[in-house]
Amino acid sequence: MREERLRATVGLRSAPALSAWRGRSGRRYIVGVHALVAAEVMDVTDAVIIAVRRDAAGAASVIATATVGPLFGEEARAAWLSRVQHLGATEMHVHRLAYDEPERRALMDDLIQDETRQAC
């Protein structure tokens, strides 16, 4: 798996920060890039959140992921945020295009190593 920056949005002032991840299957998943802060984490619904750390060269690596559904309440989100920040994550990449929980879990299976998964 690897991040692939979207060339179509480079240089656009009004475009949101977008990127993409390529899964082991070859599928590409578009994500919005956000700061890893409590207010942002609390606002996400029905999505997959990928906690990301960047190295000095700007390469992204996945720290953890979570599926965000109705059971991922404020307390669980705060605990997840604290854990991934402690592990060095500074960004969250949010994939909102998965239709339902089975699709979100399939994305995680394709994109993420088992030790980084959290379903909520």
PDB file of N, CA and C in Angstrom:
ATOM      1  N   MET A   1       0.840  -1.172   0.000  1.00  0.00           N
ATOM      2  CA  MET A   1       0.000   0.000   0.000  1.00  0.00           C
ATOM      3  C   MET A   1       0.884   1.233   0.000  1.00  0.00           C
ATOM      4  N   ARG A   2       0.385   2.273  -0.651  1.00  0.00           N
ATOM      5  CA  ARG A   2       1.168   3.500  -0.708  1.00  0.00           C
ATOM      6  C   ARG A   2       0.257   4.681  -1.001  1.00  0.00           C
ATOM      7  N   GLU A   3       0.688   5.850  -0.567  1.00  0.00           N
ATOM      8  CA  GLU A   3      -0.040   7.068  -0.876  1.00  0.00           C
ATOM      9  C   GLU A   3       0.362   7.540  -2.266  1.00  0.00           C
ATOM     10  N   GLU A   4      -0.611   8.050  -3.005  1.00  0.00           N
ATOM     11  CA  GLU A   4      -0.375   8.644  -4.321  1.00  0.00           C
ATOM     12  C   GLU A   4      -1.044  10.010  -4.339  1.00  0.00           C
ATOM     13  N   ARG A   5      -0.258  11.063  -4.372  1.00  0.00           N
ATOM     14  CA  ARG A   5      -0.824  12.413  -4.397  1.00  0.00           C
ATOM     15  C   ARG A   5      -1.633  12.621  -5.667  1.00  0.00           C
ATOM     16  N   LEU A   6      -2.693  13.389  -5.575  1.00  0.00           N
ATOM     17  CA  LEU A   6      -3.537  13.678  -6.732  1.00  0.00           C
ATOM     18  C   LEU A   6      -2.992  14.890  -7.468  1.00  0.00           C
ATOM     19  N   ARG A   7      -2.530  14.674  -8.669  1.00  0.00           N
ATOM     20  CA  ARG A   7      -1.962  15.772  -9.463  1.00  0.00           C
ATOM     21  C   ARG A   7      -3.023  16.762  -9.908  1.00  0.00           C
ATOM     22  N   ALA A   8      -4.257  16.343 -10.058  1.00  0.00           N
ATOM     23  CA  ALA A   8      -5.318  17.215 -10.569  1.00  0.00           C
ATOM     24  C   ALA A   8      -5.618  18.388  -9.648  1.00  0.00           C
ATOM     25  N   THR A   9      -5.292  18.280  -8.359  1.00  0.00           N
ATOM     26  CA  THR A   9      -5.615  19.358  -7.419  1.00  0.00           C
ATOM     27  C   THR A   9      -4.414  20.235  -7.075  1.00  0.00           C
ATOM     28  N   VAL A  10      -3.238  19.925  -7.587  1.00  0.00           N
ATOM     29  CA  VAL A  10      -2.045  20.711  -7.286  1.00  0.00           C
ATOM     30  C   VAL A  10      -2.220  22.122  -7.831  1.00  0.00           C
ATOM     31  N   GLY A  11      -1.985  23.106  -6.988  1.00  0.00           N
ATOM     32  CA  GLY A  11      -2.049  24.496  -7.415  1.00  0.00           C
ATOM     33  C   GLY A  11      -3.427  25.120  -7.346  1.00  0.00           C
ATOM     34  N   LEU A  12      -4.462  24.354  -7.072  1.00  0.00           N
ATOM     35  CA  LEU A  12      -5.800  24.923  -6.949  1.00  0.00           C
ATOM     36  C   LEU A  12      -5.971  25.509  -5.553  1.00  0.00           C
ATOM     37  N   ARG A  13      -6.313  26.778  -5.478  1.00  0.00           N
ATOM     38  CA  ARG A  13      -6.454  27.429  -4.167  1.00  0.00           C
ATOM     39  C   ARG A  13      -7.727  27.021  -3.446  1.00  0.00           C
ATOM     40  N   SER A  14      -8.800  26.796  -4.166  1.00  0.00           N
ATOM     41  CA  SER A  14     -10.077  26.509  -3.525  1.00  0.00           C
ATOM     42  C   SER A  14     -10.334  25.018  -3.314  1.00  0.00           C
ATOM     43  N   ALA A  15      -9.472  24.172  -3.812  1.00  0.00           N
ATOM     44  CA  ALA A  15      -9.686  22.727  -3.704  1.00  0.00           C
ATOM     45  C   ALA A  15      -9.308  22.236  -2.307  1.00  0.00           C
ATOM     46  N   PRO A  16     -10.091  21.314  -1.766  1.00  0.00           N
ATOM     47  CA  PRO A  16      -9.693  20.721  -0.491  1.00  0.00           C
ATOM     48  C   PRO A  16      -8.447  19.866  -0.693  1.00  0.00           C
ATOM     49  N   ALA A  17      -7.732  19.626   0.391  1.00  0.00           N
ATOM     50  CA  ALA A  17      -6.543  18.775   0.316  1.00  0.00           C
ATOM     51  C   ALA A  17      -7.007  17.347   0.072  1.00  0.00           C
ATOM     52  N   LEU A  18      -6.650  16.815  -1.076  1.00  0.00           N
ATOM     53  CA  LEU A  18      -7.023  15.460  -1.437  1.00  0.00           C
ATOM     54  C   LEU A  18      -5.779  14.649  -1.746  1.00  0.00           C
ATOM     55  N   SER A  19      -5.872  13.362  -1.489  1.00  0.00           N
ATOM     56  CA  SER A  19      -4.809  12.439  -1.808  1.00  0.00           C
ATOM     57  C   SER A  19      -5.471  11.107  -2.143  1.00  0.00           C
ATOM     58  N   ALA A  20      -4.666  10.094  -2.367  1.00  0.00           N
ATOM     59  CA  ALA A  20      -5.205   8.759  -2.640  1.00  0.00           C
ATOM     60  C   ALA A  20      -4.246   7.719  -2.082  1.00  0.00           C
ATOM     61  N   TRP A  21      -4.792   6.581  -1.737  1.00  0.00           N
ATOM     62  CA  TRP A  21      -4.010   5.430  -1.304  1.00  0.00           C
ATOM     63  C   TRP A  21      -4.276   4.297  -2.275  1.00  0.00           C
ATOM     64  N   ARG A  22      -3.234   3.571  -2.614  1.00  0.00           N
ATOM     65  CA  ARG A  22      -3.345   2.403  -3.490  1.00  0.00           C
ATOM     66  C   ARG A  22      -3.274   1.172  -2.590  1.00  0.00           C
ATOM     67  N   GLY A  23      -4.325   0.338  -2.644  1.00  0.00           N
ATOM     68  CA  GLY A  23      -4.372  -0.868  -1.829  1.00  0.00           C
ATOM     69  C   GLY A  23      -3.585  -2.010  -2.447  1.00  0.00           C
ATOM     70  N   ARG A  24      -3.477  -3.102  -1.711  1.00  0.00           N
ATOM     71  CA  ARG A  24      -2.764  -4.289  -2.211  1.00  0.00           C
ATOM     72  C   ARG A  24      -3.420  -4.847  -3.463  1.00  0.00           C
ATOM     73  N   SER A  25      -4.732  -4.635  -3.607  1.00  0.00           N
ATOM     74  CA  SER A  25      -5.466  -5.136  -4.771  1.00  0.00           C
ATOM     75  C   SER A  25      -5.215  -4.293  -6.012  1.00  0.00           C
ATOM     76  N   GLY A  26      -4.632  -3.121  -5.834  1.00  0.00           N
ATOM     77  CA  GLY A  26      -4.451  -2.188  -6.939  1.00  0.00           C
ATOM     78  C   GLY A  26      -5.527  -1.112  -6.982  1.00  0.00           C
ATOM     79  N   ARG A  27      -6.576  -1.270  -6.179  1.00  0.00           N
ATOM     80  CA  ARG A  27      -7.637  -0.260  -6.132  1.00  0.00           C
ATOM     81  C   ARG A  27      -7.104   1.031  -5.522  1.00  0.00           C
ATOM     82  N   ARG A  28      -7.664   2.124  -5.967  1.00  0.00           N
ATOM     83  CA  ARG A  28      -7.257   3.446  -5.493  1.00  0.00           C
ATOM     84  C   ARG A  28      -8.394   4.043  -4.669  1.00  0.00           C
ATOM     85  N   TYR A  29      -8.050   4.588  -3.489  1.00  0.00           N
ATOM     86  CA  TYR A  29      -9.030   5.155  -2.576  1.00  0.00           C
ATOM     87  C   TYR A  29      -8.729   6.637  -2.370  1.00  0.00           C
ATOM     88  N   ILE A  30      -9.672   7.491  -2.744  1.00  0.00           N
ATOM     89  CA  ILE A  30      -9.509   8.934  -2.595  1.00  0.00           C
ATOM     90  C   ILE A  30      -9.820   9.308  -1.154  1.00  0.00           C
ATOM     91  N   VAL A  31      -8.986  10.180  -0.580  1.00  0.00           N
ATOM     92  CA  VAL A  31      -9.161  10.622   0.801  1.00  0.00           C
ATOM     93  C   VAL A  31      -9.021  12.135   0.892  1.00  0.00           C
ATOM     94  N   GLY A  32      -9.708  12.695   1.874  1.00  0.00           N
ATOM     95  CA  GLY A  32      -9.490  14.084   2.245  1.00  0.00           C
ATOM     96  C   GLY A  32      -8.426  14.115   3.325  1.00  0.00           C
ATOM     97  N   VAL A  33      -7.521  15.061   3.251  1.00  0.00           N
ATOM     98  CA  VAL A  33      -6.426  15.172   4.224  1.00  0.00           C
ATOM     99  C   VAL A  33      -6.778  16.278   5.215  1.00  0.00           C
ATOM    100  N   HIS A  34      -6.731  15.932   6.503  1.00  0.00           N
ATOM    101  CA  HIS A  34      -7.107  16.861   7.570  1.00  0.00           C
ATOM    102  C   HIS A  34      -6.055  16.832   8.674  1.00  0.00           C
ATOM    103  N   ALA A  35      -6.003  17.921   9.429  1.00  0.00           N
ATOM    104  CA  ALA A  35      -5.166  17.938  10.623  1.00  0.00           C
ATOM    105  C   ALA A  35      -5.739  16.931  11.618  1.00  0.00           C
ATOM    106  N   LEU A  36      -4.866  16.323  12.377  1.00  0.00           N
ATOM    107  CA  LEU A  36      -5.299  15.337  13.375  1.00  0.00           C
ATOM    108  C   LEU A  36      -5.564  16.069  14.692  1.00  0.00           C
ATOM    109  N   VAL A  37      -6.741  16.649  14.780  1.00  0.00           N
ATOM    110  CA  VAL A  37      -7.158  17.388  15.977  1.00  0.00           C
ATOM    111  C   VAL A  37      -8.538  16.906  16.383  1.00  0.00           C
ATOM    112  N   ALA A  38      -8.859  17.089  17.655  1.00  0.00           N
ATOM    113  CA  ALA A  38     -10.104  16.557  18.199  1.00  0.00           C
ATOM    114  C   ALA A  38     -11.331  17.039  17.433  1.00  0.00           C
ATOM    115  N   ALA A  39     -11.400  18.319  17.106  1.00  0.00           N
ATOM    116  CA  ALA A  39     -12.581  18.847  16.422  1.00  0.00           C
ATOM    117  C   ALA A  39     -12.806  18.146  15.088  1.00  0.00           C
ATOM    118  N   GLU A  40     -11.746  17.887  14.356  1.00  0.00           N
ATOM    119  CA  GLU A  40     -11.865  17.200  13.063  1.00  0.00           C
ATOM    120  C   GLU A  40     -12.308  15.753  13.261  1.00  0.00           C
ATOM    121  N   VAL A  41     -11.705  15.052  14.213  1.00  0.00           N
ATOM    122  CA  VAL A  41     -12.039  13.647  14.459  1.00  0.00           C
ATOM    123  C   VAL A  41     -13.496  13.514  14.892  1.00  0.00           C
ATOM    124  N   MET A  42     -13.971  14.429  15.706  1.00  0.00           N
ATOM    125  CA  MET A  42     -15.344  14.347  16.220  1.00  0.00           C
ATOM    126  C   MET A  42     -16.385  14.586  15.125  1.00  0.00           C
ATOM    127  N   ASP A  43     -16.023  15.280  14.061  1.00  0.00           N
ATOM    128  CA  ASP A  43     -16.978  15.606  12.996  1.00  0.00           C
ATOM    129  C   ASP A  43     -17.142  14.515  11.945  1.00  0.00           C
ATOM    130  N   VAL A  44     -16.270  13.543  11.897  1.00  0.00           N
ATOM    131  CA  VAL A  44     -16.313  12.512  10.853  1.00  0.00           C
ATOM    132  C   VAL A  44     -17.397  11.483  11.167  1.00  0.00           C
ATOM    133  N   THR A  45     -18.184  11.134  10.139  1.00  0.00           N
ATOM    134  CA  THR A  45     -19.190  10.076  10.283  1.00  0.00           C
ATOM    135  C   THR A  45     -19.161   9.174   9.059  1.00  0.00           C
ATOM    136  N   ASP A  46     -19.523   7.913   9.262  1.00  0.00           N
ATOM    137  CA  ASP A  46     -19.658   6.930   8.184  1.00  0.00           C
ATOM    138  C   ASP A  46     -18.483   6.968   7.213  1.00  0.00           C
ATOM    139  N   ALA A  47     -17.300   6.710   7.731  1.00  0.00           N
ATOM    140  CA  ALA A  47     -16.081   6.816   6.933  1.00  0.00           C
ATOM    141  C   ALA A  47     -15.005   5.906   7.502  1.00  0.00           C
ATOM    142  N   VAL A  48     -13.881   5.865   6.797  1.00  0.00           N
ATOM    143  CA  VAL A  48     -12.673   5.234   7.308  1.00  0.00           C
ATOM    144  C   VAL A  48     -11.679   6.356   7.570  1.00  0.00           C
ATOM    145  N   ILE A  49     -11.124   6.385   8.775  1.00  0.00           N
ATOM    146  CA  ILE A  49     -10.087   7.354   9.116  1.00  0.00           C
ATOM    147  C   ILE A  49      -8.750   6.637   9.134  1.00  0.00           C
ATOM    148  N   ILE A  50      -7.775   7.210   8.451  1.00  0.00           N
ATOM    149  CA  ILE A  50      -6.419   6.674   8.419  1.00  0.00           C
ATOM    150  C   ILE A  50      -5.526   7.683   9.121  1.00  0.00           C
ATOM    151  N   ALA A  51      -4.940   7.288  10.251  1.00  0.00           N
ATOM    152  CA  ALA A  51      -3.992   8.153  10.957  1.00  0.00           C
ATOM    153  C   ALA A  51      -2.632   8.010  10.286  1.00  0.00           C
ATOM    154  N   VAL A  52      -2.019   9.147   9.925  1.00  0.00           N
ATOM    155  CA  VAL A  52      -0.820   9.156   9.091  1.00  0.00           C
ATOM    156  C   VAL A  52       0.299   9.957   9.747  1.00  0.00           C
ATOM    157  N   ARG A  53       1.511   9.453   9.586  1.00  0.00           N
ATOM    158  CA  ARG A  53       2.733  10.174   9.980  1.00  0.00           C
ATOM    159  C   ARG A  53       3.552  10.376   8.718  1.00  0.00           C
ATOM    160  N   ARG A  54       4.138  11.553   8.582  1.00  0.00           N
ATOM    161  CA  ARG A  54       5.021  11.840   7.434  1.00  0.00           C
ATOM    162  C   ARG A  54       6.462  11.912   7.917  1.00  0.00           C
ATOM    163  N   ASP A  55       7.373  11.374   7.086  1.00  0.00           N
ATOM    164  CA  ASP A  55       8.792  11.473   7.414  1.00  0.00           C
ATOM    165  C   ASP A  55       9.346  12.797   6.877  1.00  0.00           C
ATOM    166  N   ALA A  56      10.626  13.029   7.065  1.00  0.00           N
ATOM    167  CA  ALA A  56      11.258  14.289   6.658  1.00  0.00           C
ATOM    168  C   ALA A  56      11.138  14.539   5.161  1.00  0.00           C
ATOM    169  N   ALA A  57      11.056  13.482   4.372  1.00  0.00           N
ATOM    170  CA  ALA A  57      10.932  13.621   2.923  1.00  0.00           C
ATOM    171  C   ALA A  57       9.476  13.805   2.472  1.00  0.00           C
ATOM    172  N   GLY A  58       8.538  13.721   3.412  1.00  0.00           N
ATOM    173  CA  GLY A  58       7.128  13.888   3.083  1.00  0.00           C
ATOM    174  C   GLY A  58       6.387  12.604   2.776  1.00  0.00           C
ATOM    175  N   ALA A  59       7.072  11.461   2.877  1.00  0.00           N
ATOM    176  CA  ALA A  59       6.411  10.177   2.615  1.00  0.00           C
ATOM    177  C   ALA A  59       5.483   9.821   3.776  1.00  0.00           C
ATOM    178  N   ALA A  60       4.290   9.367   3.437  1.00  0.00           N
ATOM    179  CA  ALA A  60       3.285   9.030   4.443  1.00  0.00           C
ATOM    180  C   ALA A  60       3.377   7.574   4.840  1.00  0.00           C
ATOM    181  N   SER A  61       3.141   7.311   6.117  1.00  0.00           N
ATOM    182  CA  SER A  61       2.997   5.943   6.584  1.00  0.00           C
ATOM    183  C   SER A  61       1.782   5.871   7.502  1.00  0.00           C
ATOM    184  N   VAL A  62       1.087   4.754   7.430  1.00  0.00           N
ATOM    185  CA  VAL A  62      -0.122   4.556   8.214  1.00  0.00           C
ATOM    186  C   VAL A  62       0.244   4.148   9.626  1.00  0.00           C
ATOM    187  N   ILE A  63      -0.339   4.846  10.588  1.00  0.00           N
ATOM    188  CA  ILE A  63      -0.156   4.515  12.002  1.00  0.00           C
ATOM    189  C   ILE A  63      -1.295   3.626  12.483  1.00  0.00           C
ATOM    190  N   ALA A  64      -2.527   3.980  12.128  1.00  0.00           N
ATOM    191  CA  ALA A  64      -3.712   3.226  12.546  1.00  0.00           C
ATOM    192  C   ALA A  64      -4.885   3.633  11.680  1.00  0.00           C
ATOM    193  N   THR A  65      -5.930   2.832  11.724  1.00  0.00           N
ATOM    194  CA  THR A  65      -7.161   3.158  11.026  1.00  0.00           C
ATOM    195  C   THR A  65      -8.349   2.869  11.928  1.00  0.00           C
ATOM    196  N   ALA A  66      -9.470   3.458  11.585  1.00  0.00           N
ATOM    197  CA  ALA A  66     -10.720   3.167  12.293  1.00  0.00           C
ATOM    198  C   ALA A  66     -11.871   3.349  11.329  1.00  0.00           C
ATOM    199  N   THR A  67     -12.873   2.483  11.453  1.00  0.00           N
ATOM    200  CA  THR A  67     -14.121   2.727  10.743  1.00  0.00           C
ATOM    201  C   THR A  67     -14.989   3.539  11.679  1.00  0.00           C
ATOM    202  N   VAL A  68     -15.591   4.577  11.154  1.00  0.00           N
ATOM    203  CA  VAL A  68     -16.385   5.476  11.978  1.00  0.00           C
ATOM    204  C   VAL A  68     -17.849   5.263  11.665  1.00  0.00           C
ATOM    205  N   GLY A  69     -18.526   4.649  12.610  1.00  0.00           N
ATOM    206  CA  GLY A  69     -19.950   4.394  12.489  1.00  0.00           C
ATOM    207  C   GLY A  69     -20.658   4.885  13.735  1.00  0.00           C
ATOM    208  N   PRO A  70     -21.886   4.470  13.925  1.00  0.00           N
ATOM    209  CA  PRO A  70     -22.680   4.967  15.041  1.00  0.00           C
ATOM    210  C   PRO A  70     -22.149   4.581  16.425  1.00  0.00           C
ATOM    211  N   LEU A  71     -21.340   3.534  16.509  1.00  0.00           N
ATOM    212  CA  LEU A  71     -20.817   3.103  17.809  1.00  0.00           C
ATOM    213  C   LEU A  71     -19.503   3.773  18.190  1.00  0.00           C
ATOM    214  N   PHE A  72     -18.948   4.553  17.294  1.00  0.00           N
ATOM    215  CA  PHE A  72     -17.668   5.226  17.553  1.00  0.00           C
ATOM    216  C   PHE A  72     -17.975   6.578  18.179  1.00  0.00           C
ATOM    217  N   GLY A  73     -18.309   6.539  19.475  1.00  0.00           N
ATOM    218  CA  GLY A  73     -18.740   7.727  20.200  1.00  0.00           C
ATOM    219  C   GLY A  73     -17.593   8.650  20.572  1.00  0.00           C
ATOM    220  N   GLU A  74     -17.950   9.717  21.238  1.00  0.00           N
ATOM    221  CA  GLU A  74     -16.988  10.753  21.594  1.00  0.00           C
ATOM    222  C   GLU A  74     -15.838  10.210  22.452  1.00  0.00           C
ATOM    223  N   GLU A  75     -16.154   9.369  23.416  1.00  0.00           N
ATOM    224  CA  GLU A  75     -15.118   8.803  24.287  1.00  0.00           C
ATOM    225  C   GLU A  75     -14.158   7.903  23.511  1.00  0.00           C
ATOM    226  N   ALA A  76     -14.695   7.057  22.642  1.00  0.00           N
ATOM    227  CA  ALA A  76     -13.862   6.170  21.832  1.00  0.00           C
ATOM    228  C   ALA A  76     -12.996   6.971  20.866  1.00  0.00           C
ATOM    229  N   ARG A  77     -13.561   8.032  20.286  1.00  0.00           N
ATOM    230  CA  ARG A  77     -12.793   8.885  19.366  1.00  0.00           C
ATOM    231  C   ARG A  77     -11.647   9.573  20.094  1.00  0.00           C
ATOM    232  N   ALA A  78     -11.916  10.079  21.296  1.00  0.00           N
ATOM    233  CA  ALA A  78     -10.878  10.753  22.074  1.00  0.00           C
ATOM    234  C   ALA A  78      -9.752   9.782  22.429  1.00  0.00           C
ATOM    235  N   ALA A  79     -10.100   8.551  22.793  1.00  0.00           N
ATOM    236  CA  ALA A  79      -9.082   7.547  23.128  1.00  0.00           C
ATOM    237  C   ALA A  79      -8.259   7.191  21.890  1.00  0.00           C
ATOM    238  N   TRP A  80      -8.928   7.021  20.740  1.00  0.00           N
ATOM    239  CA  TRP A  80      -8.219   6.714  19.490  1.00  0.00           C
ATOM    240  C   TRP A  80      -7.280   7.854  19.119  1.00  0.00           C
ATOM    241  N   LEU A  81      -7.770   9.085  19.212  1.00  0.00           N
ATOM    242  CA  LEU A  81      -6.953  10.258  18.889  1.00  0.00           C
ATOM    243  C   LEU A  81      -5.715  10.322  19.774  1.00  0.00           C
ATOM    244  N   SER A  82      -5.888  10.121  21.060  1.00  0.00           N
ATOM    245  CA  SER A  82      -4.755  10.151  21.990  1.00  0.00           C
ATOM    246  C   SER A  82      -3.732   9.070  21.642  1.00  0.00           C
ATOM    247  N   ARG A  83      -4.225   7.866  21.333  1.00  0.00           N
ATOM    248  CA  ARG A  83      -3.328   6.748  21.020  1.00  0.00           C
ATOM    249  C   ARG A  83      -2.521   7.019  19.752  1.00  0.00           C
ATOM    250  N   VAL A  84      -3.174   7.485  18.686  1.00  0.00           N
ATOM    251  CA  VAL A  84      -2.446   7.678  17.432  1.00  0.00           C
ATOM    252  C   VAL A  84      -1.511   8.882  17.490  1.00  0.00           C
ATOM    253  N   GLN A  85      -1.890   9.912  18.239  1.00  0.00           N
ATOM    254  CA  GLN A  85      -0.974  11.046  18.420  1.00  0.00           C
ATOM    255  C   GLN A  85       0.266  10.597  19.185  1.00  0.00           C
ATOM    256  N   HIS A  86       0.082   9.757  20.199  1.00  0.00           N
ATOM    257  CA  HIS A  86       1.209   9.222  20.966  1.00  0.00           C
ATOM    258  C   HIS A  86       2.138   8.400  20.062  1.00  0.00           C
ATOM    259  N   LEU A  87       1.576   7.758  19.036  1.00  0.00           N
ATOM    260  CA  LEU A  87       2.365   6.954  18.098  1.00  0.00           C
ATOM    261  C   LEU A  87       2.996   7.787  16.983  1.00  0.00           C
ATOM    262  N   GLY A  88       2.734   9.104  16.977  1.00  0.00           N
ATOM    263  CA  GLY A  88       3.386   9.994  16.025  1.00  0.00           C
ATOM    264  C   GLY A  88       2.554  10.458  14.848  1.00  0.00           C
ATOM    265  N   ALA A  89       1.280  10.124  14.815  1.00  0.00           N
ATOM    266  CA  ALA A  89       0.431  10.570  13.711  1.00  0.00           C
ATOM    267  C   ALA A  89       0.193  12.072  13.807  1.00  0.00           C
ATOM    268  N   THR A  90       0.174  12.736  12.645  1.00  0.00           N
ATOM    269  CA  THR A  90      -0.065  14.179  12.598  1.00  0.00           C
ATOM    270  C   THR A  90      -1.180  14.560  11.636  1.00  0.00           C
ATOM    271  N   GLU A  91      -1.638  13.618  10.840  1.00  0.00           N
ATOM    272  CA  GLU A  91      -2.704  13.861   9.871  1.00  0.00           C
ATOM    273  C   GLU A  91      -3.729  12.747   9.966  1.00  0.00           C
ATOM    274  N   MET A  92      -4.953  13.051   9.502  1.00  0.00           N
ATOM    275  CA  MET A  92      -5.917  11.982   9.289  1.00  0.00           C
ATOM    276  C   MET A  92      -6.394  12.087   7.858  1.00  0.00           C
ATOM    277  N   HIS A  93      -6.433  10.947   7.206  1.00  0.00           N
ATOM    278  CA  HIS A  93      -6.935  10.848   5.844  1.00  0.00           C
ATOM    279  C   HIS A  93      -8.292  10.168   5.940  1.00  0.00           C
ATOM    280  N   VAL A  94      -9.318  10.812   5.402  1.00  0.00           N
ATOM    281  CA  VAL A  94     -10.693  10.345   5.573  1.00  0.00           C
ATOM    282  C   VAL A  94     -11.254   9.894   4.233  1.00  0.00           C
ATOM    283  N   HIS A  95     -11.662   8.625   4.178  1.00  0.00           N
ATOM    284  CA  HIS A  95     -12.303   8.067   2.985  1.00  0.00           C
ATOM    285  C   HIS A  95     -13.798   7.976   3.276  1.00  0.00           C
ATOM    286  N   ARG A  96     -14.594   8.756   2.545  1.00  0.00           N
ATOM    287  CA  ARG A  96     -16.042   8.826   2.776  1.00  0.00           C
ATOM    288  C   ARG A  96     -16.853   8.132   1.686  1.00  0.00           C
ATOM    289  N   LEU A  97     -16.212   7.503   0.731  1.00  0.00           N
ATOM    290  CA  LEU A  97     -16.926   6.972  -0.426  1.00  0.00           C
ATOM    291  C   LEU A  97     -17.369   5.526  -0.282  1.00  0.00           C
ATOM    292  N   ALA A  98     -17.029   4.873   0.822  1.00  0.00           N
ATOM    293  CA  ALA A  98     -17.496   3.501   1.050  1.00  0.00           C
ATOM    294  C   ALA A  98     -18.967   3.571   1.476  1.00  0.00           C
ATOM    295  N   TYR A  99     -19.801   2.805   0.823  1.00  0.00           N
ATOM    296  CA  TYR A  99     -21.255   2.880   0.989  1.00  0.00           C
ATOM    297  C   TYR A  99     -21.738   2.448   2.372  1.00  0.00           C
ATOM    298  N   ASP A 100     -21.144   1.386   2.914  1.00  0.00           N
ATOM    299  CA  ASP A 100     -21.628   0.846   4.184  1.00  0.00           C
ATOM    300  C   ASP A 100     -20.469   0.202   4.948  1.00  0.00           C
ATOM    301  N   GLU A 101     -20.782  -0.347   6.108  1.00  0.00           N
ATOM    302  CA  GLU A 101     -19.749  -0.930   6.968  1.00  0.00           C
ATOM    303  C   GLU A 101     -18.988  -2.070   6.288  1.00  0.00           C
ATOM    304  N   PRO A 102     -19.644  -3.003   5.577  1.00  0.00           N
ATOM    305  CA  PRO A 102     -18.874  -4.042   4.876  1.00  0.00           C
ATOM    306  C   PRO A 102     -17.883  -3.464   3.861  1.00  0.00           C
ATOM    307  N   GLU A 103     -18.267  -2.402   3.148  1.00  0.00           N
ATOM    308  CA  GLU A 103     -17.334  -1.771   2.210  1.00  0.00           C
ATOM    309  C   GLU A 103     -16.170  -1.108   2.941  1.00  0.00           C
ATOM    310  N   ARG A 104     -16.460  -0.491   4.090  1.00  0.00           N
ATOM    311  CA  ARG A 104     -15.379   0.145   4.861  1.00  0.00           C
ATOM    312  C   ARG A 104     -14.402  -0.914   5.383  1.00  0.00           C
ATOM    313  N   ARG A 105     -14.924  -2.035   5.835  1.00  0.00           N
ATOM    314  CA  ARG A 105     -14.049  -3.115   6.314  1.00  0.00           C
ATOM    315  C   ARG A 105     -13.233  -3.710   5.165  1.00  0.00           C
ATOM    316  N   ALA A 106     -13.830  -3.826   3.987  1.00  0.00           N
ATOM    317  CA  ALA A 106     -13.098  -4.337   2.821  1.00  0.00           C
ATOM    318  C   ALA A 106     -11.962  -3.387   2.453  1.00  0.00           C
ATOM    319  N   LEU A 107     -12.215  -2.083   2.525  1.00  0.00           N
ATOM    320  CA  LEU A 107     -11.155  -1.106   2.270  1.00  0.00           C
ATOM    321  C   LEU A 107     -10.003  -1.310   3.246  1.00  0.00           C
ATOM    322  N   MET A 108     -10.330  -1.457   4.525  1.00  0.00           N
ATOM    323  CA  MET A 108      -9.286  -1.661   5.531  1.00  0.00           C
ATOM    324  C   MET A 108      -8.519  -2.949   5.272  1.00  0.00           C
ATOM    325  N   ASP A 109      -9.209  -3.999   4.862  1.00  0.00           N
ATOM    326  CA  ASP A 109      -8.534  -5.257   4.537  1.00  0.00           C
ATOM    327  C   ASP A 109      -7.554  -5.069   3.383  1.00  0.00           C
ATOM    328  N   ASP A 110      -7.931  -4.251   2.415  1.00  0.00           N
ATOM    329  CA  ASP A 110      -7.100  -4.022   1.238  1.00  0.00           C
ATOM    330  C   ASP A 110      -5.925  -3.088   1.539  1.00  0.00           C
ATOM    331  N   LEU A 111      -6.144  -2.158   2.420  1.00  0.00           N
ATOM    332  CA  LEU A 111      -5.187  -1.075   2.607  1.00  0.00           C
ATOM    333  C   LEU A 111      -4.296  -1.213   3.829  1.00  0.00           C
ATOM    334  N   ILE A 112      -4.770  -1.870   4.856  1.00  0.00           N
ATOM    335  CA  ILE A 112      -4.141  -1.754   6.163  1.00  0.00           C
ATOM    336  C   ILE A 112      -3.708  -3.109   6.712  1.00  0.00           C
ATOM    337  N   GLN A 113      -2.603  -3.087   7.405  1.00  0.00           N
ATOM    338  CA  GLN A 113      -2.154  -4.267   8.139  1.00  0.00           C
ATOM    339  C   GLN A 113      -3.057  -4.471   9.352  1.00  0.00           C
ATOM    340  N   ASP A 114      -3.301  -5.707   9.750  1.00  0.00           N
ATOM    341  CA  ASP A 114      -4.225  -6.020  10.846  1.00  0.00           C
ATOM    342  C   ASP A 114      -3.927  -5.269  12.135  1.00  0.00           C
ATOM    343  N   GLU A 115      -2.669  -5.040  12.459  1.00  0.00           N
ATOM    344  CA  GLU A 115      -2.347  -4.401  13.737  1.00  0.00           C
ATOM    345  C   GLU A 115      -2.728  -2.926  13.773  1.00  0.00           C
ATOM    346  N   THR A 116      -3.083  -2.328  12.648  1.00  0.00           N
ATOM    347  CA  THR A 116      -3.445  -0.912  12.637  1.00  0.00           C
ATOM    348  C   THR A 116      -4.950  -0.694  12.628  1.00  0.00           C
ATOM    349  N   ARG A 117      -5.751  -1.761  12.625  1.00  0.00           N
ATOM    350  CA  ARG A 117      -7.199  -1.659  12.465  1.00  0.00           C
ATOM    351  C   ARG A 117      -7.912  -1.444  13.780  1.00  0.00           C
ATOM    352  N   GLN A 118      -8.980  -0.633  13.724  1.00  0.00           N
ATOM    353  CA  GLN A 118      -9.899  -0.521  14.834  1.00  0.00           C
ATOM    354  C   GLN A 118     -11.284  -0.283  14.253  1.00  0.00           C
ATOM    355  N   ALA A 119     -12.216  -1.154  14.536  1.00  0.00           N
ATOM    356  CA  ALA A 119     -13.583  -0.980  14.061  1.00  0.00           C
ATOM    357  C   ALA A 119     -14.414  -0.403  15.176  1.00  0.00           C
ATOM    358  N   CYS A 120     -15.088   0.665  14.882  1.00  0.00           N
ATOM    359  CA  CYS A 120     -15.915   1.313  15.914  1.00  0.00           C
ATOM    360  C   CYS A 120     -17.244   1.738  15.339  1.00  0.00           C
TER     361      CYS A 120
END
